[in-house]
Amino acid sequence: MSKHEVWGFTIERTPSDKKIWPNKLKIEAARRIREDGATPGAIAAEIGAHECLVRKWSVADRRSRGELLGRDEPAFAPVQITSEGNRPNVSVPSSSGSGVAIMDFGDVRLEFPVDISETALSAIVKTMRQTT
């Protein structure tokens, strides 16, 4: 097995060339993300790891600290069928307070978070137009 140093930690490799990351290095990577504001991509590039792996270490660190990573709301919004016109109509109910917008496509009503990315919303609109 070959070895090399990263941040003062010895990284060993298995016979199949897989890197064995020491727990203390994982903790240091998570600390740099949490305290120094480093990005997982920057850390990954610096140490020669895949960005997804560094993100995994960061999430594990956050969970170990008791940080909630999910939302306390449903992952999906209900879709209501209506008999309104064929043109998309977008509205944000002021009384809802839930940050949900409504888009009607003919007989299909789509509810989605108001903070949805433009790319995601465009993909939804394209799909909805193809199906109505």
Protein backbone atom coordinates (compact mmCIF):
# COMPACT_ATOMS: atom_id res chain seq x y z
CA MET A 1 0.00 0.00 0.00
CA SER A 2 1.26 3.45 -0.87
CA LYS A 3 1.00 6.47 1.43
CA HIS A 4 1.04 10.24 1.12
CA GLU A 5 0.43 13.23 3.41
CA VAL A 6 -2.49 15.66 3.41
CA TRP A 7 -2.70 18.41 6.06
CA GLY A 8 -0.28 16.37 8.19
CA PHE A 9 -2.41 13.22 8.02
CA THR A 10 -1.20 10.02 6.37
CA ILE A 11 -3.45 8.83 3.57
CA GLU A 12 -2.98 5.16 2.76
CA ARG A 13 -4.14 3.39 -0.38
CA THR A 14 -5.50 -0.11 -0.67
CA PRO A 15 -4.06 -2.52 -3.25
CA SER A 16 -6.95 -1.47 -5.53
CA ASP A 17 -5.76 2.17 -5.16
CA LYS A 18 -8.69 3.28 -2.97
CA LYS A 19 -7.75 6.06 -0.52
CA ILE A 20 -8.29 5.43 3.18
CA TRP A 21 -9.24 8.76 4.78
CA PRO A 22 -8.45 9.06 8.51
CA ASN A 23 -11.34 10.17 10.72
CA LYS A 24 -9.32 13.13 12.02
CA LEU A 25 -8.89 14.40 8.45
CA LYS A 26 -12.65 14.10 7.87
CA ILE A 27 -13.28 16.09 11.04
CA GLU A 28 -10.80 18.75 9.94
CA ALA A 29 -12.42 19.01 6.50
CA ALA A 30 -15.85 19.47 8.12
CA ARG A 31 -14.42 22.07 10.52
CA ARG A 32 -12.94 24.06 7.63
CA ILE A 33 -16.33 24.06 5.91
CA ARG A 34 -18.21 24.98 9.09
CA GLU A 35 -15.84 27.51 10.66
CA ASP A 36 -13.69 28.84 7.82
CA GLY A 37 -16.44 28.96 5.19
CA ALA A 38 -14.56 26.74 2.76
CA THR A 39 -16.65 25.01 0.12
CA PRO A 40 -16.75 21.22 -0.20
CA GLY A 41 -15.48 21.63 -3.77
CA ALA A 42 -12.46 23.64 -2.65
CA ILE A 43 -11.64 21.15 0.11
CA ALA A 44 -12.03 18.23 -2.29
CA ALA A 45 -9.71 19.82 -4.85
CA GLU A 46 -7.13 20.58 -2.17
CA ILE A 47 -6.98 17.07 -0.74
CA GLY A 48 -7.65 15.07 -3.91
CA ALA A 49 -11.05 13.69 -2.93
CA HIS A 50 -14.38 13.70 -4.71
CA GLU A 51 -16.66 16.63 -3.75
CA CYS A 52 -19.55 14.29 -2.89
CA LEU A 53 -17.36 12.52 -0.35
CA VAL A 54 -16.41 15.79 1.34
CA ARG A 55 -20.10 16.81 1.43
CA LYS A 56 -20.87 13.49 3.08
CA TRP A 57 -18.31 14.22 5.80
CA SER A 58 -19.81 17.68 6.31
CA VAL A 59 -23.35 16.30 6.62
CA ALA A 60 -22.16 13.66 9.10
CA ASP A 61 -20.52 16.43 11.14
CA ARG A 62 -23.68 18.53 11.11
CA ARG A 63 -25.79 15.55 12.19
CA SER A 64 -23.35 14.72 14.99
CA ARG A 65 -23.87 18.25 16.28
CA GLY A 66 -27.64 17.76 16.31
CA GLU A 67 -28.32 20.08 13.38
CA LEU A 68 -31.60 19.41 11.59
CA LEU A 69 -31.00 19.00 7.88
CA GLY A 70 -34.56 18.57 6.59
CA ARG A 71 -37.63 20.73 6.55
CA ASP A 72 -40.64 20.39 8.86
CA GLU A 73 -43.05 20.51 5.94
CA PRO A 74 -44.23 18.08 3.30
CA ALA A 75 -41.80 17.35 0.48
CA PHE A 76 -44.65 17.50 -2.04
CA ALA A 77 -47.60 19.84 -2.42
CA PRO A 78 -51.05 18.55 -3.39
CA VAL A 79 -52.09 18.95 -7.02
CA GLN A 80 -55.67 20.10 -7.49
CA ILE A 81 -57.64 19.57 -10.72
CA THR A 82 -59.73 22.56 -11.84
CA SER A 83 -61.73 23.44 -14.93
CA GLU A 84 -60.13 26.83 -15.59
CA GLY A 85 -58.88 27.95 -19.07
CA ASN A 86 -55.96 26.57 -21.10
CA ARG A 87 -53.42 29.35 -20.40
CA PRO A 88 -51.04 29.07 -17.47
CA ASN A 89 -52.08 31.33 -14.62
CA VAL A 90 -49.68 31.91 -11.73
CA SER A 91 -50.71 33.21 -8.32
CA VAL A 92 -49.32 33.39 -4.81
CA PRO A 93 -52.10 33.25 -2.22
CA SER A 94 -51.44 36.06 0.27
CA SER A 95 -53.34 34.27 3.00
CA SER A 96 -51.37 31.04 2.78
CA GLY A 97 -48.18 32.33 4.41
CA SER A 98 -46.61 29.06 3.36
CA GLY A 99 -44.41 30.35 0.55
CA VAL A 100 -46.35 28.32 -2.01
CA ALA A 101 -47.29 29.53 -5.50
CA ILE A 102 -50.03 28.09 -7.69
CA MET A 103 -49.84 27.61 -11.45
CA ASP A 104 -52.86 26.49 -13.47
CA PHE A 105 -52.43 24.68 -16.79
CA GLY A 106 -55.92 24.06 -18.10
CA ASP A 107 -57.35 21.39 -15.82
CA VAL A 108 -54.12 20.89 -13.88
CA ARG A 109 -53.16 23.02 -10.89
CA LEU A 110 -49.56 22.87 -9.73
CA GLU A 111 -48.43 24.18 -6.34
CA PHE A 112 -44.72 24.79 -5.78
CA PRO A 113 -42.47 26.72 -3.36
CA VAL A 114 -42.01 30.39 -4.26
CA ASP A 115 -38.26 30.02 -3.79
CA ILE A 116 -37.95 27.35 -6.51
CA SER A 117 -35.06 27.92 -8.89
CA GLU A 118 -35.79 29.34 -12.33
CA THR A 119 -34.25 26.25 -13.93
CA ALA A 120 -36.47 23.86 -11.96
CA LEU A 121 -39.59 25.92 -12.64
CA SER A 122 -38.78 26.08 -16.37
CA ALA A 123 -38.46 22.29 -16.47
CA ILE A 124 -41.81 21.91 -14.73
CA VAL A 125 -43.53 24.37 -17.08
CA LYS A 126 -42.06 22.62 -20.14
CA THR A 127 -43.28 19.24 -18.88
CA MET A 128 -46.73 20.59 -18.01
CA ARG A 129 -47.15 22.18 -21.46
CA GLN A 130 -46.28 18.88 -23.13
CA THR A 131 -48.92 17.01 -21.13
CA THR A 132 -51.82 19.50 -21.41
